N, C-alpha and C. Protein backbone atom coordinates (compact mmCIF):
# COMPACT_ATOMS: atom_id res chain seq x y z
N MET A 1 0.82 -1.19 -0.02
CA MET A 1 0.01 -0.01 0.01
C MET A 1 0.88 1.24 0.00
N LEU A 2 0.59 2.20 -0.92
CA LEU A 2 1.36 3.46 -0.97
C LEU A 2 1.14 4.19 0.32
N GLU A 3 2.19 4.69 0.91
CA GLU A 3 2.12 5.30 2.22
C GLU A 3 3.12 6.48 2.32
N ARG A 4 2.81 7.40 3.16
CA ARG A 4 3.74 8.54 3.40
C ARG A 4 4.28 8.45 4.82
N THR A 5 5.49 8.95 4.96
CA THR A 5 6.10 8.98 6.27
C THR A 5 6.94 10.28 6.35
N LEU A 6 7.27 10.71 7.54
CA LEU A 6 8.15 11.82 7.77
C LEU A 6 9.53 11.38 8.15
N ALA A 7 10.51 11.99 7.60
CA ALA A 7 11.91 11.79 8.01
C ALA A 7 12.47 13.13 8.33
N ILE A 8 13.39 13.22 9.29
CA ILE A 8 14.07 14.47 9.55
C ILE A 8 15.58 14.15 9.58
N LEU A 9 16.36 14.81 8.74
CA LEU A 9 17.81 14.75 8.88
C LEU A 9 18.16 15.69 9.98
N LYS A 10 18.74 15.13 11.00
CA LYS A 10 18.99 15.88 12.28
C LYS A 10 20.17 16.81 12.15
N PRO A 11 20.35 17.70 13.16
CA PRO A 11 21.41 18.71 13.10
C PRO A 11 22.84 18.10 12.93
N ASP A 12 23.06 16.87 13.47
CA ASP A 12 24.41 16.28 13.30
C ASP A 12 24.67 15.93 11.86
N THR A 13 23.63 15.47 11.11
CA THR A 13 23.74 15.10 9.67
C THR A 13 24.02 16.35 8.85
N VAL A 14 23.26 17.44 9.13
CA VAL A 14 23.44 18.65 8.35
C VAL A 14 24.83 19.24 8.63
N ALA A 15 25.22 19.30 9.90
CA ALA A 15 26.54 19.88 10.26
C ALA A 15 27.71 19.05 9.66
N ALA A 16 27.54 17.77 9.55
CA ALA A 16 28.62 16.91 8.99
C ALA A 16 28.67 16.94 7.47
N GLY A 17 27.66 17.57 6.86
CA GLY A 17 27.66 17.55 5.41
C GLY A 17 27.24 16.22 4.80
N ASP A 18 26.48 15.44 5.54
CA ASP A 18 26.08 14.16 5.10
C ASP A 18 24.67 14.07 4.54
N ALA A 19 23.97 15.20 4.39
CA ALA A 19 22.60 15.20 3.95
C ALA A 19 22.48 14.55 2.56
N GLY A 20 23.31 14.90 1.67
CA GLY A 20 23.28 14.37 0.26
C GLY A 20 23.44 12.88 0.21
N LYS A 21 24.44 12.38 1.03
CA LYS A 21 24.69 10.95 1.09
C LYS A 21 23.46 10.19 1.57
N ILE A 22 22.82 10.68 2.60
CA ILE A 22 21.66 10.06 3.22
C ILE A 22 20.44 10.18 2.27
N LEU A 23 20.25 11.30 1.60
CA LEU A 23 19.18 11.43 0.60
C LEU A 23 19.41 10.40 -0.53
N ALA A 24 20.63 10.19 -0.96
CA ALA A 24 20.93 9.23 -1.96
C ALA A 24 20.55 7.81 -1.49
N MET A 25 20.81 7.46 -0.25
CA MET A 25 20.44 6.17 0.29
C MET A 25 18.94 6.01 0.31
N ILE A 26 18.24 7.05 0.70
CA ILE A 26 16.77 7.02 0.80
C ILE A 26 16.15 6.84 -0.61
N GLU A 27 16.67 7.55 -1.57
CA GLU A 27 16.14 7.41 -2.96
C GLU A 27 16.50 6.04 -3.53
N ALA A 28 17.68 5.54 -3.22
CA ALA A 28 18.08 4.23 -3.72
C ALA A 28 17.23 3.15 -3.17
N ALA A 29 16.65 3.41 -1.96
CA ALA A 29 15.78 2.41 -1.32
C ALA A 29 14.32 2.50 -1.86
N GLY A 30 14.13 3.28 -2.90
CA GLY A 30 12.79 3.34 -3.52
C GLY A 30 11.83 4.38 -3.04
N PHE A 31 12.32 5.33 -2.24
CA PHE A 31 11.43 6.41 -1.75
C PHE A 31 11.38 7.53 -2.76
N ARG A 32 10.16 8.16 -2.83
CA ARG A 32 10.00 9.34 -3.61
C ARG A 32 9.83 10.48 -2.60
N ILE A 33 10.58 11.61 -2.80
CA ILE A 33 10.46 12.75 -1.90
C ILE A 33 9.25 13.57 -2.36
N ALA A 34 8.27 13.63 -1.52
CA ALA A 34 7.02 14.42 -1.85
C ALA A 34 7.11 15.86 -1.31
N GLY A 35 8.06 16.13 -0.37
CA GLY A 35 8.21 17.47 0.13
C GLY A 35 9.47 17.47 0.97
N MET A 36 10.17 18.63 0.93
CA MET A 36 11.44 18.71 1.68
C MET A 36 11.76 20.19 1.89
N LYS A 37 12.30 20.50 3.06
CA LYS A 37 12.75 21.90 3.35
C LYS A 37 13.84 21.85 4.40
N MET A 38 14.59 22.92 4.51
CA MET A 38 15.55 23.07 5.59
C MET A 38 15.07 24.19 6.47
N LEU A 39 15.16 23.99 7.80
CA LEU A 39 14.72 24.99 8.74
C LEU A 39 15.43 24.83 10.08
N SER A 40 15.32 25.79 10.89
CA SER A 40 15.86 25.73 12.24
C SER A 40 14.72 25.66 13.26
N LEU A 41 14.72 24.71 14.13
CA LEU A 41 13.71 24.59 15.15
C LEU A 41 14.07 25.38 16.38
N SER A 42 13.20 26.15 16.93
CA SER A 42 13.42 26.76 18.22
C SER A 42 13.25 25.67 19.28
N GLU A 43 13.76 25.91 20.48
CA GLU A 43 13.57 24.91 21.55
C GLU A 43 12.05 24.67 21.77
N LYS A 44 11.27 25.74 21.66
CA LYS A 44 9.79 25.59 21.85
C LYS A 44 9.18 24.67 20.79
N LYS A 45 9.53 24.89 19.52
CA LYS A 45 9.00 24.08 18.43
C LYS A 45 9.49 22.62 18.59
N ALA A 46 10.77 22.41 18.86
CA ALA A 46 11.29 21.09 19.10
C ALA A 46 10.58 20.38 20.23
N GLY A 47 10.31 21.13 21.27
CA GLY A 47 9.56 20.59 22.44
C GLY A 47 8.15 20.18 22.05
N GLN A 48 7.49 20.96 21.19
CA GLN A 48 6.16 20.63 20.70
C GLN A 48 6.16 19.34 19.89
N PHE A 49 7.16 19.27 18.98
CA PHE A 49 7.29 18.12 18.14
C PHE A 49 7.51 16.83 18.90
N TYR A 50 8.36 16.88 19.93
CA TYR A 50 8.66 15.72 20.75
C TYR A 50 7.87 15.65 22.04
N ALA A 51 6.77 16.35 22.10
CA ALA A 51 5.94 16.37 23.32
C ALA A 51 5.57 15.00 23.87
N VAL A 52 5.46 14.01 22.97
CA VAL A 52 5.11 12.63 23.36
C VAL A 52 6.16 12.06 24.33
N HIS A 53 7.39 12.63 24.29
CA HIS A 53 8.49 12.13 25.12
C HIS A 53 8.72 13.04 26.34
N ARG A 54 7.84 13.96 26.58
CA ARG A 54 8.03 14.95 27.65
C ARG A 54 8.43 14.34 29.01
N GLU A 55 7.85 13.22 29.37
CA GLU A 55 8.15 12.60 30.64
C GLU A 55 9.41 11.72 30.63
N ARG A 56 9.98 11.51 29.49
CA ARG A 56 11.14 10.62 29.40
C ARG A 56 12.42 11.39 29.83
N PRO A 57 13.36 10.65 30.39
CA PRO A 57 14.60 11.34 30.88
C PRO A 57 15.39 12.05 29.78
N PHE A 58 15.29 11.66 28.58
CA PHE A 58 16.12 12.20 27.50
C PHE A 58 15.44 13.43 26.82
N TYR A 59 14.23 13.77 27.23
CA TYR A 59 13.45 14.83 26.55
C TYR A 59 14.23 16.15 26.47
N GLY A 60 14.78 16.63 27.58
CA GLY A 60 15.48 17.94 27.60
C GLY A 60 16.64 17.96 26.68
N SER A 61 17.50 16.92 26.67
CA SER A 61 18.69 16.91 25.85
C SER A 61 18.26 16.73 24.34
N LEU A 62 17.24 16.00 24.06
CA LEU A 62 16.71 15.82 22.72
C LEU A 62 16.25 17.14 22.16
N VAL A 63 15.48 17.89 22.92
CA VAL A 63 14.97 19.21 22.49
C VAL A 63 16.13 20.14 22.22
N LYS A 64 17.13 20.16 23.15
CA LYS A 64 18.27 21.01 22.97
C LYS A 64 19.06 20.65 21.68
N PHE A 65 19.28 19.35 21.49
CA PHE A 65 19.99 18.84 20.27
C PHE A 65 19.29 19.26 19.05
N MET A 66 17.95 19.02 18.96
CA MET A 66 17.18 19.24 17.74
C MET A 66 17.08 20.71 17.41
N SER A 67 17.41 21.59 18.36
CA SER A 67 17.33 23.04 18.10
C SER A 67 18.70 23.66 18.02
N GLU A 68 19.78 22.86 17.96
CA GLU A 68 21.16 23.41 17.92
C GLU A 68 21.57 23.81 16.54
N GLY A 69 20.90 23.34 15.50
CA GLY A 69 21.30 23.68 14.09
C GLY A 69 20.19 23.30 13.16
N PRO A 70 20.36 23.63 11.87
CA PRO A 70 19.35 23.30 10.87
C PRO A 70 19.01 21.83 10.79
N VAL A 71 17.82 21.57 10.45
CA VAL A 71 17.29 20.19 10.20
C VAL A 71 16.64 20.18 8.79
N ILE A 72 16.47 18.99 8.23
CA ILE A 72 15.82 18.88 6.98
C ILE A 72 14.63 17.85 7.12
N PRO A 73 13.45 18.35 7.35
CA PRO A 73 12.29 17.47 7.32
C PRO A 73 11.88 17.17 5.95
N MET A 74 11.38 15.95 5.73
CA MET A 74 10.89 15.57 4.37
C MET A 74 9.80 14.55 4.49
N VAL A 75 8.94 14.58 3.52
CA VAL A 75 7.82 13.58 3.39
C VAL A 75 8.30 12.61 2.31
N LEU A 76 8.29 11.37 2.67
CA LEU A 76 8.70 10.31 1.78
C LEU A 76 7.53 9.41 1.48
N GLU A 77 7.51 8.87 0.28
CA GLU A 77 6.42 8.07 -0.22
C GLU A 77 6.92 6.79 -0.87
N ARG A 78 6.26 5.70 -0.60
CA ARG A 78 6.49 4.39 -1.27
C ARG A 78 5.55 3.36 -0.65
N GLU A 79 5.54 2.19 -1.17
CA GLU A 79 4.82 1.07 -0.57
C GLU A 79 5.36 0.84 0.83
N ASN A 80 4.48 0.74 1.80
CA ASN A 80 4.89 0.44 3.19
C ASN A 80 6.02 1.32 3.64
N ALA A 81 5.87 2.63 3.43
CA ALA A 81 6.94 3.60 3.68
C ALA A 81 7.46 3.55 5.15
N ILE A 82 6.53 3.45 6.09
CA ILE A 82 6.96 3.58 7.49
C ILE A 82 7.89 2.41 7.88
N PRO A 83 7.49 1.12 7.72
CA PRO A 83 8.46 0.07 8.10
C PRO A 83 9.70 0.02 7.19
N GLN A 84 9.52 0.39 5.92
CA GLN A 84 10.63 0.39 5.00
C GLN A 84 11.69 1.42 5.42
N LEU A 85 11.27 2.63 5.82
CA LEU A 85 12.22 3.66 6.19
C LEU A 85 12.88 3.26 7.51
N ARG A 86 12.13 2.64 8.45
CA ARG A 86 12.74 2.23 9.69
C ARG A 86 13.83 1.20 9.46
N GLN A 87 13.63 0.36 8.44
CA GLN A 87 14.66 -0.68 8.10
C GLN A 87 15.86 0.07 7.52
N VAL A 88 15.70 1.00 6.65
CA VAL A 88 16.81 1.73 6.03
C VAL A 88 17.58 2.58 7.11
N MET A 89 16.86 3.13 8.05
CA MET A 89 17.45 3.92 9.09
C MET A 89 18.34 3.09 10.06
N GLY A 90 17.83 1.90 10.43
CA GLY A 90 18.53 1.02 11.41
C GLY A 90 18.11 1.33 12.81
N ALA A 91 18.61 0.58 13.73
CA ALA A 91 18.26 0.71 15.16
C ALA A 91 18.61 2.10 15.65
N THR A 92 17.84 2.58 16.68
CA THR A 92 18.05 3.91 17.25
C THR A 92 19.49 4.07 17.73
N ASP A 93 20.02 3.06 18.33
CA ASP A 93 21.44 3.09 18.81
C ASP A 93 22.36 2.68 17.63
N PRO A 94 23.16 3.55 17.08
CA PRO A 94 24.03 3.20 15.94
C PRO A 94 24.88 1.96 16.22
N ALA A 95 25.28 1.76 17.43
CA ALA A 95 26.14 0.63 17.76
C ALA A 95 25.37 -0.70 17.59
N LYS A 96 24.04 -0.65 17.61
CA LYS A 96 23.24 -1.85 17.44
C LYS A 96 22.56 -1.95 16.05
N ALA A 97 22.81 -0.90 15.25
CA ALA A 97 22.20 -0.88 13.92
C ALA A 97 22.90 -1.83 12.96
N SER A 98 22.15 -2.37 12.04
CA SER A 98 22.70 -3.30 11.04
C SER A 98 23.70 -2.59 10.10
N ASP A 99 24.69 -3.32 9.64
CA ASP A 99 25.63 -2.76 8.66
C ASP A 99 24.87 -2.21 7.46
N GLY A 100 25.35 -1.08 6.94
CA GLY A 100 24.76 -0.48 5.75
C GLY A 100 23.58 0.42 5.98
N THR A 101 23.06 0.51 7.23
CA THR A 101 21.97 1.37 7.54
C THR A 101 22.45 2.80 7.77
N ILE A 102 21.54 3.72 7.64
CA ILE A 102 21.91 5.16 7.83
C ILE A 102 22.53 5.41 9.18
N ARG A 103 21.90 4.86 10.18
CA ARG A 103 22.44 5.16 11.54
C ARG A 103 23.80 4.43 11.84
N LYS A 104 23.97 3.28 11.27
CA LYS A 104 25.28 2.62 11.42
C LYS A 104 26.37 3.42 10.73
N LEU A 105 26.04 3.94 9.51
CA LEU A 105 27.06 4.66 8.77
C LEU A 105 27.30 6.16 9.26
N HIS A 106 26.24 6.76 9.77
CA HIS A 106 26.34 8.19 10.06
C HIS A 106 26.01 8.63 11.50
N GLY A 107 25.45 7.73 12.30
CA GLY A 107 25.10 8.10 13.68
C GLY A 107 26.29 7.89 14.60
N THR A 108 26.31 8.64 15.70
CA THR A 108 27.39 8.56 16.67
C THR A 108 26.88 8.17 18.03
N SER A 109 25.60 8.31 18.33
CA SER A 109 25.09 7.89 19.64
C SER A 109 23.56 7.72 19.50
N ILE A 110 22.93 7.26 20.55
CA ILE A 110 21.48 7.05 20.51
C ILE A 110 20.76 8.37 20.18
N GLU A 111 21.25 9.49 20.66
CA GLU A 111 20.60 10.78 20.40
C GLU A 111 21.08 11.35 19.07
N ARG A 112 22.35 11.31 18.85
CA ARG A 112 22.94 11.87 17.61
C ARG A 112 23.02 10.77 16.58
N ASN A 113 21.83 10.36 16.10
CA ASN A 113 21.73 9.16 15.22
C ASN A 113 21.33 9.51 13.79
N SER A 114 21.55 10.77 13.41
CA SER A 114 21.41 11.21 11.99
C SER A 114 19.99 11.49 11.50
N ILE A 115 19.05 10.62 11.88
CA ILE A 115 17.74 10.69 11.19
C ILE A 115 16.66 10.34 12.17
N HIS A 116 15.47 11.00 11.98
CA HIS A 116 14.27 10.66 12.67
C HIS A 116 13.29 10.10 11.61
N GLY A 117 12.48 9.12 11.97
CA GLY A 117 11.48 8.59 11.11
C GLY A 117 10.21 8.25 11.89
N SER A 118 9.07 8.51 11.32
CA SER A 118 7.81 8.22 11.98
C SER A 118 7.72 6.73 12.31
N ASP A 119 7.04 6.37 13.40
CA ASP A 119 6.97 4.95 13.81
C ASP A 119 5.64 4.32 13.55
N ALA A 120 4.59 5.04 13.14
CA ALA A 120 3.30 4.45 12.92
C ALA A 120 2.47 5.43 12.06
N PRO A 121 1.40 4.97 11.42
CA PRO A 121 0.57 5.80 10.57
C PRO A 121 0.06 7.07 11.30
N ASP A 122 -0.47 6.92 12.51
CA ASP A 122 -1.01 8.07 13.22
C ASP A 122 0.12 9.12 13.52
N THR A 123 1.27 8.58 13.90
CA THR A 123 2.40 9.45 14.17
C THR A 123 2.87 10.17 12.90
N ALA A 124 2.89 9.43 11.81
CA ALA A 124 3.28 10.03 10.51
C ALA A 124 2.30 11.19 10.12
N ARG A 125 1.04 10.99 10.28
CA ARG A 125 0.07 12.02 9.95
C ARG A 125 0.32 13.27 10.76
N PHE A 126 0.46 13.12 12.09
CA PHE A 126 0.79 14.26 12.92
C PHE A 126 2.10 14.94 12.54
N GLU A 127 3.16 14.14 12.37
CA GLU A 127 4.46 14.71 12.06
C GLU A 127 4.53 15.40 10.73
N ILE A 128 3.87 14.82 9.68
CA ILE A 128 3.82 15.50 8.41
C ILE A 128 3.09 16.80 8.53
N GLY A 129 1.97 16.84 9.23
CA GLY A 129 1.24 18.08 9.41
C GLY A 129 1.97 19.11 10.22
N PHE A 130 2.84 18.67 11.08
CA PHE A 130 3.64 19.57 11.94
C PHE A 130 4.52 20.45 11.06
N PHE A 131 5.10 19.89 10.03
CA PHE A 131 6.07 20.57 9.15
C PHE A 131 5.58 21.05 7.80
N PHE A 132 4.50 20.42 7.30
CA PHE A 132 4.05 20.66 5.90
C PHE A 132 2.54 20.85 5.83
N SER A 133 2.22 21.84 4.99
CA SER A 133 0.77 21.95 4.60
C SER A 133 0.58 21.11 3.34
N GLU A 134 -0.66 20.77 3.10
CA GLU A 134 -0.90 19.87 1.93
C GLU A 134 -0.42 20.48 0.63
N TYR A 135 -0.48 21.80 0.46
CA TYR A 135 -0.05 22.41 -0.79
C TYR A 135 1.45 22.33 -1.01
N GLU A 136 2.22 22.03 0.03
CA GLU A 136 3.69 21.90 -0.11
C GLU A 136 4.08 20.50 -0.53
N LEU A 137 3.15 19.55 -0.62
CA LEU A 137 3.47 18.19 -0.98
C LEU A 137 3.05 17.93 -2.40
N VAL A 138 3.91 17.22 -3.15
CA VAL A 138 3.63 16.95 -4.57
C VAL A 138 3.67 15.45 -4.80
């Protein structure tokens, strides 16, 4: 089933100059980019985006990290996009990620793991709407 998901290239990816390499991996995995932009998140906006994690011990450092530099949110489309992107991304902890995955190749820690991806259809709908209006998607 054709599906959309949100991915965010995190500040560590943008700062390292790895955005193009990761975009190439995503496209090679059969994803179509339906929308993409570069922006800087304020701590307030990052906090709103990650509000689901507000009670978790890593929330504060995650919000600070995600607002430390530019990010590249994008809407990706393909059959079974959500599980397929999660497979291409690899485990949250780069040390546990499979060889050849984005996080294994570009991540340095559980937090600084290069990329965010939606984990479920409801989450994807919220996350896409957080960054994109319908007219920005093609």
